[in-house]
Amino acid sequence: MTGRPVPSVLPASLRPSLGPVAVLAALVVVVLGILYAGHSAPGAVDRWIRPPTADSVRAPWHQVALALDFLGEPVGSAMVIAAGVAGCLVLRRPRAAVLVVVGAGVTVGATTVLKHVVGRTIHGPGNLSYPSGHTAFATALAVMAALFATDRLGLGGRAGTSLVLAAGVVAGAIMGWAEVGLGAHYPTDALGGWSTALAVVPATAWLVDRITDRMPGPGRRDHR
C-alpha cells in the first residue's frame, strides 16, 4: 500500500473529445438500426461497397480472414481478453484489466441486444447481422489499448484522441473486411459494430473510474 494515485482508464485529457465522439457514434448506431430494421437484403451502400457473397475472399487472404474471424469467436475472444488482462496486471494496472473484461463484455452484450432489437438478417432468417459483434469487439480492444497507451505516454488531448480514433479505425476496418469478405455481415453491419464500440468503451471507462474511485483503496485516481 503505497498511497500513490491510481491512473484512470479514461484520461482526463480525452474526456472533452471522446464524450462527443461517443454520442455521435451512438447516433450512428441508432440511425442505421432504424434504416435496416427487419431487412434481409443489402442496402444501396452495401451493394456499392461489396455484394455480400459467402467466402468471397480468395487464398491466401481467405485464411487471414478466417484467423481474424476466430479472434471474435468465444474461444478466440477469451484468449485475447486473457492476454490483455495478463498484460495489464504485469504492468500493474489492475483498473485497466477490469476495463478490458468489462469493456469487452459490455460491447459484445450491446451488439447482441441490438441484433435482436433491429432484426436484420443475412443468408437466412436465423442469421442476425446488425451490428457486427466481431467488428465491435476488435474495435473495443483497440480503443482500450489506445486509452492505456495515451496514459502511459502522457499524451495530450489532441494526440491522445487521434491515437484512439486511429486505433479504432484500423482495427474496425481490418475485422470489418474479414467479416464482409467471409459473407458474415453487410458493410453497414461492420460500420454499426465499429460505432457501437466507440459509443460503449468511453462510457464504460468513465464508469469504471467512477466506481473504483469510490471503493476503499490506498490511493486516489491520477487525473492526468
Protein backbone atom coordinates (compact mmCIF):
# COMPACT_ATOMS: atom_id res chain seq x y z
CA MET A 1 0.00 0.00 0.00
CA THR A 2 1.92 2.94 -1.28
CA GLY A 3 -0.77 5.60 -1.35
CA ARG A 4 0.22 6.59 -4.88
CA PRO A 5 -2.53 7.83 -7.20
CA VAL A 6 -4.26 5.19 -9.32
CA PRO A 7 -4.15 6.06 -13.04
CA SER A 8 -7.58 6.44 -14.59
CA VAL A 9 -8.56 4.31 -17.57
CA LEU A 10 -10.18 7.31 -19.24
CA PRO A 11 -7.52 10.04 -19.12
CA ALA A 12 -8.92 13.42 -18.21
CA SER A 13 -7.37 14.94 -21.32
CA LEU A 14 -9.59 12.75 -23.54
CA ARG A 15 -12.94 13.28 -21.86
CA PRO A 16 -13.87 16.53 -23.64
CA SER A 17 -13.29 14.93 -27.04
CA LEU A 18 -14.35 11.31 -26.54
CA GLY A 19 -17.65 12.31 -24.95
CA PRO A 20 -18.99 13.90 -28.16
CA VAL A 21 -17.46 11.06 -30.20
CA ALA A 22 -19.37 8.52 -28.13
CA VAL A 23 -22.62 10.44 -28.55
CA LEU A 24 -22.14 10.75 -32.31
CA ALA A 25 -21.28 7.06 -32.58
CA ALA A 26 -24.41 6.12 -30.63
CA LEU A 27 -26.46 8.27 -33.00
CA VAL A 28 -24.97 6.40 -36.00
CA VAL A 29 -25.89 3.08 -34.40
CA VAL A 30 -29.47 4.20 -33.87
CA VAL A 31 -29.90 5.69 -37.35
CA LEU A 32 -28.51 2.62 -39.10
CA GLY A 33 -30.60 0.39 -36.89
CA ILE A 34 -33.75 2.23 -37.86
CA LEU A 35 -32.85 2.22 -41.55
CA TYR A 36 -32.19 -1.51 -41.70
CA ALA A 37 -34.62 -2.84 -39.09
CA GLY A 38 -36.17 -6.07 -40.28
CA HIS A 39 -34.27 -6.08 -43.58
CA SER A 40 -32.86 -9.25 -45.11
CA ALA A 41 -31.03 -7.78 -48.10
CA PRO A 42 -28.11 -5.40 -48.64
CA GLY A 43 -28.82 -1.70 -48.87
CA ALA A 44 -27.55 0.66 -51.53
CA VAL A 45 -24.38 1.41 -49.57
CA ASP A 46 -23.71 -2.29 -49.06
CA ARG A 47 -24.10 -3.05 -52.75
CA TRP A 48 -21.83 -0.16 -53.66
CA ILE A 49 -19.03 -1.34 -51.35
CA ARG A 50 -19.28 -5.10 -51.90
CA PRO A 51 -22.14 -7.52 -52.60
CA PRO A 52 -22.40 -9.95 -49.65
CA THR A 53 -21.46 -13.31 -51.14
CA ALA A 54 -20.26 -16.17 -48.97
CA ASP A 55 -16.49 -16.64 -48.85
CA SER A 56 -15.66 -14.03 -51.48
CA VAL A 57 -12.11 -13.67 -50.17
CA ARG A 58 -9.71 -15.95 -52.01
CA ALA A 59 -6.46 -17.56 -50.95
CA PRO A 60 -4.18 -16.61 -49.34
CA TRP A 61 -6.32 -13.86 -47.81
CA HIS A 62 -9.11 -16.31 -47.05
CA GLN A 63 -7.02 -17.89 -44.29
CA VAL A 64 -6.19 -14.46 -42.91
CA ALA A 65 -9.90 -13.60 -42.79
CA LEU A 66 -10.68 -16.88 -41.04
CA ALA A 67 -7.96 -16.24 -38.46
CA LEU A 68 -9.34 -12.79 -37.75
CA ASP A 69 -12.85 -14.20 -37.52
CA PHE A 70 -11.63 -16.77 -34.96
CA LEU A 71 -10.43 -13.96 -32.69
CA GLY A 72 -14.04 -12.80 -32.40
CA GLU A 73 -15.42 -16.25 -31.62
CA PRO A 74 -15.90 -17.32 -27.97
CA VAL A 75 -12.63 -19.28 -27.68
CA GLY A 76 -10.57 -16.75 -29.61
CA SER A 77 -12.02 -13.74 -27.80
CA ALA A 78 -11.43 -15.41 -24.42
CA MET A 79 -7.78 -15.92 -25.34
CA VAL A 80 -7.41 -12.29 -26.43
CA ILE A 81 -9.09 -10.97 -23.28
CA ALA A 82 -6.96 -13.21 -21.07
CA ALA A 83 -3.82 -11.93 -22.77
CA GLY A 84 -4.97 -8.34 -22.32
CA VAL A 85 -5.74 -8.84 -18.64
CA ALA A 86 -2.39 -10.54 -18.08
CA GLY A 87 -0.57 -7.67 -19.77
CA CYS A 88 -2.35 -5.09 -17.62
CA LEU A 89 -1.54 -6.99 -14.44
CA VAL A 90 2.12 -7.38 -15.41
CA LEU A 91 2.24 -3.60 -15.91
CA ARG A 92 0.49 -3.15 -12.54
CA ARG A 93 -2.65 -1.62 -13.95
CA PRO A 94 -5.47 -3.61 -12.33
CA ARG A 95 -8.02 -0.95 -13.24
CA ALA A 96 -7.12 -1.35 -16.89
CA ALA A 97 -7.52 -5.12 -16.50
CA VAL A 98 -11.04 -4.53 -15.21
CA LEU A 99 -11.79 -2.31 -18.20
CA VAL A 100 -10.60 -5.00 -20.63
CA VAL A 101 -13.06 -7.51 -19.19
CA VAL A 102 -15.96 -5.14 -18.61
CA GLY A 103 -15.46 -3.10 -21.77
CA ALA A 104 -15.34 -6.17 -24.00
CA GLY A 105 -18.29 -7.75 -22.23
CA VAL A 106 -20.50 -4.67 -22.41
CA THR A 107 -19.62 -4.09 -26.07
CA VAL A 108 -20.44 -7.65 -27.11
CA GLY A 109 -23.55 -7.62 -24.94
CA ALA A 110 -24.73 -4.40 -26.57
CA THR A 111 -24.32 -5.84 -30.07
CA THR A 112 -26.20 -8.99 -29.06
CA VAL A 113 -29.14 -7.00 -27.74
CA LEU A 114 -29.16 -4.71 -30.77
CA LYS A 115 -29.21 -7.67 -33.15
CA HIS A 116 -32.45 -8.90 -31.62
CA VAL A 117 -33.95 -5.42 -31.49
CA VAL A 118 -33.08 -4.50 -35.09
CA GLY A 119 -33.76 -7.93 -36.54
CA ARG A 120 -31.67 -7.52 -39.68
CA THR A 121 -30.60 -10.86 -41.21
CA ILE A 122 -28.17 -12.20 -43.78
CA HIS A 123 -28.23 -15.56 -45.59
CA GLY A 124 -31.39 -16.73 -43.85
CA PRO A 125 -33.84 -15.74 -41.12
CA GLY A 126 -31.73 -17.14 -38.28
CA ASN A 127 -28.61 -15.12 -39.01
CA LEU A 128 -28.95 -11.77 -37.24
CA SER A 129 -26.37 -9.39 -38.61
CA TYR A 130 -26.67 -5.81 -37.31
CA PRO A 131 -24.40 -4.71 -35.76
CA SER A 132 -21.30 -6.85 -36.28
CA GLY A 133 -20.18 -8.21 -32.92
CA HIS A 134 -16.77 -9.20 -34.30
CA THR A 135 -16.09 -5.69 -35.57
CA ALA A 136 -17.30 -4.16 -32.32
CA PHE A 137 -15.07 -6.49 -30.28
CA ALA A 138 -11.96 -5.75 -32.30
CA THR A 139 -12.62 -2.01 -32.21
CA ALA A 140 -13.24 -2.07 -28.46
CA LEU A 141 -9.96 -3.84 -27.77
CA ALA A 142 -8.04 -1.38 -29.95
CA VAL A 143 -9.68 1.63 -28.31
CA MET A 144 -8.96 0.30 -24.82
CA ALA A 145 -5.33 -0.35 -25.76
CA ALA A 146 -5.08 3.20 -27.12
CA LEU A 147 -6.53 4.63 -23.90
CA PHE A 148 -3.89 2.74 -21.95
CA ALA A 149 -1.14 3.93 -24.29
CA THR A 150 -2.34 7.52 -24.03
CA ASP A 151 -1.93 7.40 -20.27
CA ARG A 152 1.42 5.60 -20.36
CA LEU A 153 2.87 8.01 -22.91
CA GLY A 154 1.39 11.09 -21.26
CA LEU A 155 -0.21 12.27 -24.49
CA GLY A 156 -2.29 15.42 -24.60
CA GLY A 157 -5.90 15.64 -25.66
CA ARG A 158 -5.35 16.09 -29.39
CA ALA A 159 -2.64 13.44 -29.73
CA GLY A 160 -4.45 11.01 -27.46
CA THR A 161 -7.75 11.42 -29.27
CA SER A 162 -6.02 10.91 -32.61
CA LEU A 163 -4.41 7.73 -31.33
CA VAL A 164 -7.69 6.35 -30.01
CA LEU A 165 -9.59 7.10 -33.20
CA ALA A 166 -6.80 5.80 -35.43
CA ALA A 167 -6.58 2.56 -33.47
CA GLY A 168 -10.35 2.13 -33.64
CA VAL A 169 -10.46 2.82 -37.38
CA VAL A 170 -7.66 0.38 -38.18
CA ALA A 171 -8.99 -2.44 -36.02
CA GLY A 172 -12.57 -1.92 -37.16
CA ALA A 173 -11.57 -1.78 -40.83
CA ILE A 174 -9.49 -4.96 -40.63
CA MET A 175 -12.12 -7.00 -38.83
CA GLY A 176 -14.89 -5.48 -40.93
CA TRP A 177 -13.02 -6.52 -44.08
CA ALA A 178 -12.80 -10.09 -42.78
CA GLU A 179 -16.47 -10.30 -41.83
CA VAL A 180 -17.75 -8.79 -45.07
CA GLY A 181 -15.30 -10.83 -47.12
CA LEU A 182 -16.46 -14.05 -45.48
CA GLY A 183 -20.06 -13.12 -46.17
CA ALA A 184 -20.96 -12.97 -42.48
CA HIS A 185 -22.02 -9.30 -42.50
CA TYR A 186 -23.02 -6.41 -44.69
CA PRO A 187 -20.62 -3.43 -44.75
CA THR A 188 -23.13 -1.34 -42.81
CA ASP A 189 -23.19 -4.06 -40.13
CA ALA A 190 -19.45 -3.52 -39.71
CA LEU A 191 -20.00 0.24 -39.50
CA GLY A 192 -22.64 -0.33 -36.86
CA GLY A 193 -20.30 -2.56 -34.85
CA TRP A 194 -17.49 -0.03 -35.09
CA SER A 195 -19.82 2.74 -33.92
CA THR A 196 -21.14 0.59 -31.07
CA ALA A 197 -17.64 0.16 -29.68
CA LEU A 198 -16.89 3.88 -29.95
CA ALA A 199 -20.09 4.62 -28.06
CA VAL A 200 -19.68 1.96 -25.38
CA VAL A 201 -15.99 1.94 -24.45
CA PRO A 202 -15.55 5.61 -23.38
CA ALA A 203 -18.74 5.41 -21.31
CA THR A 204 -17.65 2.14 -19.73
CA ALA A 205 -14.20 3.51 -18.96
CA TRP A 206 -15.77 6.53 -17.28
CA LEU A 207 -18.00 4.25 -15.19
CA VAL A 208 -15.08 2.04 -14.18
CA ASP A 209 -13.22 5.13 -12.96
CA ARG A 210 -16.25 6.43 -11.09
CA ILE A 211 -16.99 3.13 -9.37
CA THR A 212 -13.42 2.22 -8.46
CA ASP A 213 -12.74 5.74 -7.17
CA ARG A 214 -15.46 5.23 -4.59
CA MET A 215 -14.08 1.92 -3.40
CA PRO A 216 -11.72 1.87 -0.43
CA GLY A 217 -8.11 1.72 -1.57
CA PRO A 218 -4.60 3.00 -0.98
CA GLY A 219 -4.74 5.92 -3.35
CA ARG A 220 -6.98 8.18 -5.33
CA ARG A 221 -7.19 8.44 -9.07
CA ASP A 222 -4.47 10.15 -11.02
CA HIS A 223 -6.40 12.77 -13.05
CA ARG A 224 -3.83 13.08 -15.83
